[in-house]
C-alpha cells in the first residue's frame, strides 16, 4: 500500500456510502414487543436518552446523542457509568417518569480481565425497574449482544454491535 495514496482512497464518498450501508444493515432488532422501533419523530414526544458507558469511553454517544437532540426537540440526554449512585438513579427515575419513551444506549464491550461483559448492577437494576413499571424503553446495545439478559423486561432491544460513530448513526436510522 502506498501510504501517500491513503488520502485519495480512504474516506472518499463512495467508500463512505458503502460503509454507512453496511452499518445500517448490521443493526439487528432482537425484540420489539410494543412496536416502538422505528421511533416516530414527533416534536411533542418527550424522550429521555440515557447513555451508559465506562467513564473512559470518550466515543460513547458522541454521534448518537447530538442526532437525538437535533431530531427530537424535547429530548433530554444523560450519561451514567459505574460511578453513578443509587440516589442519582433515583433522580433519573423521576426524569424517566415524565418521558414518553426512554432510550438507553449501552456501550459495553468485552474487555480483558474484566470478568464480565455486562453492565454494572446498579444500572441493570435501574433499567429493569423502569421496564417492570411499564415504561416504554428502547435499549440499544453498542457492544455486547448479551445485555438483554441483564434487563429481560425491556420492550425493545436493538443490537448495533459496536460503539463506533458509524454504528451510532446507523442505529438512529432504524
C-alpha atoms as a PDB file:
ATOM      1  CA  UNK A   1       0.000   0.000   0.000  1.00  0.00           C
ATOM      2  CA  UNK A   2       1.344   3.374  -0.985  1.00  0.00           C
ATOM      3  CA  UNK A   3       0.965   5.486   2.178  1.00  0.00           C
ATOM      4  CA  UNK A   4       0.977   8.646   0.054  1.00  0.00           C
ATOM      5  CA  UNK A   5      -2.224   7.406  -1.629  1.00  0.00           C
ATOM      6  CA  UNK A   6      -4.219   6.881   1.578  1.00  0.00           C
ATOM      7  CA  UNK A   7      -5.898  10.307   1.378  1.00  0.00           C
ATOM      8  CA  UNK A   8      -7.171   9.508  -2.119  1.00  0.00           C
ATOM      9  CA  UNK A   9      -8.510   6.059  -1.178  1.00  0.00           C
ATOM     10  CA  UNK A  10      -9.814   6.236   2.399  1.00  0.00           C
ATOM     11  CA  UNK A  11     -12.976   8.146   3.334  1.00  0.00           C
ATOM     12  CA  UNK A  12     -13.941   9.041  -0.207  1.00  0.00           C
ATOM     13  CA  UNK A  13     -17.717   9.486  -0.653  1.00  0.00           C
ATOM     14  CA  UNK A  14     -18.211   6.182  -2.481  1.00  0.00           C
ATOM     15  CA  UNK A  15     -16.497   4.212   0.284  1.00  0.00           C
ATOM     16  CA  UNK A  16     -18.270   6.167   3.000  1.00  0.00           C
ATOM     17  CA  UNK A  17     -21.681   5.374   1.456  1.00  0.00           C
ATOM     18  CA  UNK A  18     -20.819   1.675   1.353  1.00  0.00           C
ATOM     19  CA  UNK A  19     -19.680   1.777   4.984  1.00  0.00           C
ATOM     20  CA  UNK A  20     -22.901   3.551   6.022  1.00  0.00           C
ATOM     21  CA  UNK A  21     -24.990   0.939   4.214  1.00  0.00           C
ATOM     22  CA  UNK A  22     -23.103  -1.921   5.848  1.00  0.00           C
ATOM     23  CA  UNK A  23     -23.534  -0.353   9.281  1.00  0.00           C
ATOM     24  CA  UNK A  24     -27.275   0.199   8.710  1.00  0.00           C
ATOM     25  CA  UNK A  25     -27.752  -3.387   7.513  1.00  0.00           C
ATOM     26  CA  UNK A  26     -25.926  -4.737  10.570  1.00  0.00           C
ATOM     27  CA  UNK A  27     -28.421  -3.226  13.034  1.00  0.00           C
ATOM     28  CA  UNK A  28     -30.463  -6.087  14.468  1.00  0.00           C
ATOM     29  CA  UNK A  29     -33.861  -5.661  16.096  1.00  0.00           C
ATOM     30  CA  UNK A  30     -33.876  -8.529  18.594  1.00  0.00           C
ATOM     31  CA  UNK A  31     -37.141  -7.595  20.288  1.00  0.00           C
ATOM     32  CA  UNK A  32     -39.901  -5.019  19.843  1.00  0.00           C
ATOM     33  CA  UNK A  33     -42.936  -6.020  21.914  1.00  0.00           C
ATOM     34  CA  UNK A  34     -44.605  -2.588  21.775  1.00  0.00           C
ATOM     35  CA  UNK A  35     -43.695  -1.649  18.182  1.00  0.00           C
ATOM     36  CA  UNK A  36     -41.545   1.274  19.301  1.00  0.00           C
ATOM     37  CA  UNK A  37     -38.990   0.833  16.522  1.00  0.00           C
ATOM     38  CA  UNK A  38     -38.624   2.793  14.386  1.00  0.00           C
ATOM     39  CA  UNK A  39     -39.189   5.642  16.795  1.00  0.00           C
ATOM     40  CA  UNK A  40     -41.678   8.025  15.234  1.00  0.00           C
ATOM     41  CA  UNK A  41     -40.222  11.519  15.098  1.00  0.00           C
ATOM     42  CA  UNK A  42     -42.722  13.720  16.854  1.00  0.00           C
ATOM     43  CA  UNK A  43     -41.920  17.212  18.093  1.00  0.00           C
ATOM     44  CA  UNK A  44     -44.222  16.720  21.104  1.00  0.00           C
ATOM     45  CA  UNK A  45     -42.705  13.401  22.243  1.00  0.00           C
ATOM     46  CA  UNK A  46     -40.581  13.651  25.382  1.00  0.00           C
ATOM     47  CA  UNK A  47     -37.557  11.385  25.108  1.00  0.00           C
ATOM     48  CA  UNK A  48     -35.071  10.631  27.850  1.00  0.00           C
ATOM     49  CA  UNK A  49     -31.840   9.400  26.280  1.00  0.00           C
ATOM     50  CA  UNK A  50     -29.569   7.616  28.745  1.00  0.00           C
ATOM     51  CA  UNK A  51     -26.040   6.733  27.716  1.00  0.00           C
ATOM     52  CA  UNK A  52     -24.313   4.065  29.790  1.00  0.00           C
ATOM     53  CA  UNK A  53     -20.583   3.672  29.230  1.00  0.00           C
ATOM     54  CA  UNK A  54     -17.315   3.320  31.033  1.00  0.00           C
ATOM     55  CA  UNK A  55     -16.080   6.737  32.158  1.00  0.00           C
ATOM     56  CA  UNK A  56     -13.002   6.310  29.958  1.00  0.00           C
ATOM     57  CA  UNK A  57     -15.071   5.679  26.796  1.00  0.00           C
ATOM     58  CA  UNK A  58     -14.879   9.061  25.102  1.00  0.00           C
ATOM     59  CA  UNK A  59     -16.623   7.937  21.895  1.00  0.00           C
ATOM     60  CA  UNK A  60     -19.791   6.620  23.563  1.00  0.00           C
ATOM     61  CA  UNK A  61     -22.725   8.772  22.487  1.00  0.00           C
ATOM     62  CA  UNK A  62     -20.562  11.265  20.633  1.00  0.00           C
ATOM     63  CA  UNK A  63     -22.541  10.804  17.378  1.00  0.00           C
ATOM     64  CA  UNK A  64     -25.766   9.333  18.799  1.00  0.00           C
ATOM     65  CA  UNK A  65     -26.659  11.985  21.404  1.00  0.00           C
ATOM     66  CA  UNK A  66     -26.388  15.045  19.122  1.00  0.00           C
ATOM     67  CA  UNK A  67     -28.505  13.281  16.485  1.00  0.00           C
ATOM     68  CA  UNK A  68     -31.243  12.517  19.029  1.00  0.00           C
ATOM     69  CA  UNK A  69     -31.216  16.096  20.284  1.00  0.00           C
ATOM     70  CA  UNK A  70     -31.362  17.533  16.760  1.00  0.00           C
ATOM     71  CA  UNK A  71     -34.260  15.306  15.664  1.00  0.00           C
ATOM     72  CA  UNK A  72     -36.302  15.395  18.861  1.00  0.00           C
ATOM     73  CA  UNK A  73     -36.513  18.878  20.353  1.00  0.00           C
ATOM     74  CA  UNK A  74     -37.913  17.672  23.687  1.00  0.00           C
ATOM     75  CA  UNK A  75     -35.158  15.097  24.215  1.00  0.00           C
ATOM     76  CA  UNK A  76     -33.092  15.166  27.376  1.00  0.00           C
ATOM     77  CA  UNK A  77     -29.734  13.398  27.442  1.00  0.00           C
ATOM     78  CA  UNK A  78     -27.962  11.959  30.473  1.00  0.00           C
ATOM     79  CA  UNK A  79     -24.787   9.912  30.803  1.00  0.00           C
ATOM     80  CA  UNK A  80     -24.251   7.351  33.559  1.00  0.00           C
ATOM     81  CA  UNK A  81     -21.420   4.967  34.367  1.00  0.00           C
ATOM     82  CA  UNK A  82     -20.166   2.633  37.064  1.00  0.00           C
ATOM     83  CA  UNK A  83     -19.767   5.565  39.480  1.00  0.00           C
ATOM     84  CA  UNK A  84     -23.451   6.569  39.324  1.00  0.00           C
ATOM     85  CA  UNK A  85     -25.030   6.289  42.783  1.00  0.00           C
ATOM     86  CA  UNK A  86     -28.414   4.895  43.811  1.00  0.00           C
ATOM     87  CA  UNK A  87     -29.500   8.463  44.684  1.00  0.00           C
ATOM     88  CA  UNK A  88     -28.581   9.627  41.173  1.00  0.00           C
ATOM     89  CA  UNK A  89     -30.532   6.701  39.701  1.00  0.00           C
ATOM     90  CA  UNK A  90     -33.477   7.788  41.874  1.00  0.00           C
ATOM     91  CA  UNK A  91     -33.349  11.270  40.360  1.00  0.00           C
ATOM     92  CA  UNK A  92     -33.020   9.763  36.908  1.00  0.00           C
ATOM     93  CA  UNK A  93     -36.079   7.606  37.616  1.00  0.00           C
ATOM     94  CA  UNK A  94     -38.075  10.784  38.279  1.00  0.00           C
ATOM     95  CA  UNK A  95     -36.929  12.164  34.924  1.00  0.00           C
ATOM     96  CA  UNK A  96     -37.971   8.905  33.254  1.00  0.00           C
ATOM     97  CA  UNK A  97     -41.446   9.181  34.795  1.00  0.00           C
ATOM     98  CA  UNK A  98     -42.129  12.312  32.738  1.00  0.00           C
ATOM     99  CA  UNK A  99     -40.735  10.874  29.479  1.00  0.00           C
ATOM    100  CA  UNK A 100     -42.882   9.255  26.802  1.00  0.00           C
ATOM    101  CA  UNK A 101     -40.023   6.956  25.792  1.00  0.00           C
ATOM    102  CA  UNK A 102     -36.685   6.141  27.396  1.00  0.00           C
ATOM    103  CA  UNK A 103     -33.843   5.340  25.018  1.00  0.00           C
ATOM    104  CA  UNK A 104     -30.959   3.538  26.659  1.00  0.00           C
ATOM    105  CA  UNK A 105     -27.744   3.307  24.691  1.00  0.00           C
ATOM    106  CA  UNK A 106     -25.341   0.912  26.386  1.00  0.00           C
ATOM    107  CA  UNK A 107     -21.696   0.827  25.385  1.00  0.00           C
ATOM    108  CA  UNK A 108     -20.466  -2.409  26.958  1.00  0.00           C
ATOM    109  CA  UNK A 109     -17.774  -4.384  25.184  1.00  0.00           C
ATOM    110  CA  UNK A 110     -15.747  -7.380  26.278  1.00  0.00           C
ATOM    111  CA  UNK A 111     -12.524  -6.323  27.968  1.00  0.00           C
ATOM    112  CA  UNK A 112      -9.532  -8.295  29.040  1.00  0.00           C
ATOM    113  CA  UNK A 113      -9.538  -9.240  32.745  1.00  0.00           C
ATOM    114  CA  UNK A 114     -12.920  -7.547  33.393  1.00  0.00           C
ATOM    115  CA  UNK A 115     -14.502 -10.837  34.458  1.00  0.00           C
ATOM    116  CA  UNK A 116     -17.823  -9.880  32.861  1.00  0.00           C
ATOM    117  CA  UNK A 117     -19.251  -8.343  29.715  1.00  0.00           C
ATOM    118  CA  UNK A 118     -22.332  -6.993  31.434  1.00  0.00           C
ATOM    119  CA  UNK A 119     -23.358  -3.661  32.858  1.00  0.00           C
ATOM    120  CA  UNK A 120     -22.851  -2.647  36.485  1.00  0.00           C
ATOM    121  CA  UNK A 121     -25.530  -3.992  38.828  1.00  0.00           C
ATOM    122  CA  UNK A 122     -26.911  -0.553  39.695  1.00  0.00           C
ATOM    123  CA  UNK A 123     -27.534   0.268  36.058  1.00  0.00           C
ATOM    124  CA  UNK A 124     -29.057  -3.135  35.284  1.00  0.00           C
ATOM    125  CA  UNK A 125     -31.410  -2.858  38.281  1.00  0.00           C
ATOM    126  CA  UNK A 126     -32.393   0.668  37.249  1.00  0.00           C
ATOM    127  CA  UNK A 127     -33.298  -0.298  33.663  1.00  0.00           C
ATOM    128  CA  UNK A 128     -35.131  -3.451  34.761  1.00  0.00           C
ATOM    129  CA  UNK A 129     -37.102  -1.474  37.367  1.00  0.00           C
ATOM    130  CA  UNK A 130     -38.158   1.046  34.702  1.00  0.00           C
ATOM    131  CA  UNK A 131     -39.207  -1.759  32.382  1.00  0.00           C
ATOM    132  CA  UNK A 132     -41.215  -3.515  35.095  1.00  0.00           C
ATOM    133  CA  UNK A 133     -43.027  -0.244  35.821  1.00  0.00           C
ATOM    134  CA  UNK A 134     -44.391  -0.324  32.264  1.00  0.00           C
ATOM    135  CA  UNK A 135     -42.160   2.450  30.933  1.00  0.00           C
ATOM    136  CA  UNK A 136     -41.674   2.332  27.167  1.00  0.00           C
ATOM    137  CA  UNK A 137     -37.961   1.590  26.734  1.00  0.00           C
ATOM    138  CA  UNK A 138     -35.739   1.068  23.731  1.00  0.00           C
ATOM    139  CA  UNK A 139     -32.339  -0.382  24.629  1.00  0.00           C
ATOM    140  CA  UNK A 140     -29.591  -0.170  22.043  1.00  0.00           C
ATOM    141  CA  UNK A 141     -26.527  -2.263  22.727  1.00  0.00           C
ATOM    142  CA  UNK A 142     -23.414  -0.757  21.209  1.00  0.00           C
ATOM    143  CA  UNK A 143     -21.298  -3.764  22.048  1.00  0.00           C
ATOM    144  CA  UNK A 144     -22.315  -6.951  23.800  1.00  0.00           C
ATOM    145  CA  UNK A 145     -25.370  -8.739  22.387  1.00  0.00           C
ATOM    146  CA  UNK A 146     -25.891 -10.370  25.792  1.00  0.00           C
ATOM    147  CA  UNK A 147     -27.037  -7.284  27.681  1.00  0.00           C
ATOM    148  CA  UNK A 148     -30.684  -8.207  27.179  1.00  0.00           C
ATOM    149  CA  UNK A 149     -30.261 -10.832  29.885  1.00  0.00           C
ATOM    150  CA  UNK A 150     -29.499  -8.021  32.375  1.00  0.00           C
ATOM    151  CA  UNK A 151     -32.919  -6.419  31.812  1.00  0.00           C
ATOM    152  CA  UNK A 152     -35.242  -9.008  30.259  1.00  0.00           C
ATOM    153  CA  UNK A 153     -38.386  -6.912  30.735  1.00  0.00           C
ATOM    154  CA  UNK A 154     -37.468  -4.148  28.267  1.00  0.00           C
ATOM    155  CA  UNK A 155     -39.903  -3.910  25.392  1.00  0.00           C
ATOM    156  CA  UNK A 156     -37.466  -3.102  22.574  1.00  0.00           C
ATOM    157  CA  UNK A 157     -33.873  -4.187  22.099  1.00  0.00           C
ATOM    158  CA  UNK A 158     -31.570  -3.261  19.207  1.00  0.00           C
ATOM    159  CA  UNK A 159     -28.054  -4.514  18.563  1.00  0.00           C
ATOM    160  CA  UNK A 160     -25.572  -2.177  16.940  1.00  0.00           C
ATOM    161  CA  UNK A 161     -22.608  -4.492  17.641  1.00  0.00           C
ATOM    162  CA  UNK A 162     -20.088  -1.728  18.367  1.00  0.00           C
ATOM    163  CA  UNK A 163     -19.807   1.858  19.524  1.00  0.00           C
ATOM    164  CA  UNK A 164     -18.083   3.427  16.520  1.00  0.00           C
ATOM    165  CA  UNK A 165     -19.707   6.674  15.336  1.00  0.00           C
ATOM    166  CA  UNK A 166     -20.846   4.983  12.108  1.00  0.00           C
ATOM    167  CA  UNK A 167     -22.782   2.414  14.196  1.00  0.00           C
ATOM    168  CA  UNK A 168     -24.258   5.161  16.367  1.00  0.00           C
ATOM    169  CA  UNK A 169     -25.592   6.962  13.288  1.00  0.00           C
ATOM    170  CA  UNK A 170     -26.893   3.680  11.813  1.00  0.00           C
ATOM    171  CA  UNK A 171     -28.790   2.799  14.979  1.00  0.00           C
ATOM    172  CA  UNK A 172     -30.744   6.027  14.803  1.00  0.00           C
ATOM    173  CA  UNK A 173     -31.688   5.390  11.198  1.00  0.00           C
ATOM    174  CA  UNK A 174     -33.741   2.386  12.325  1.00  0.00           C
END
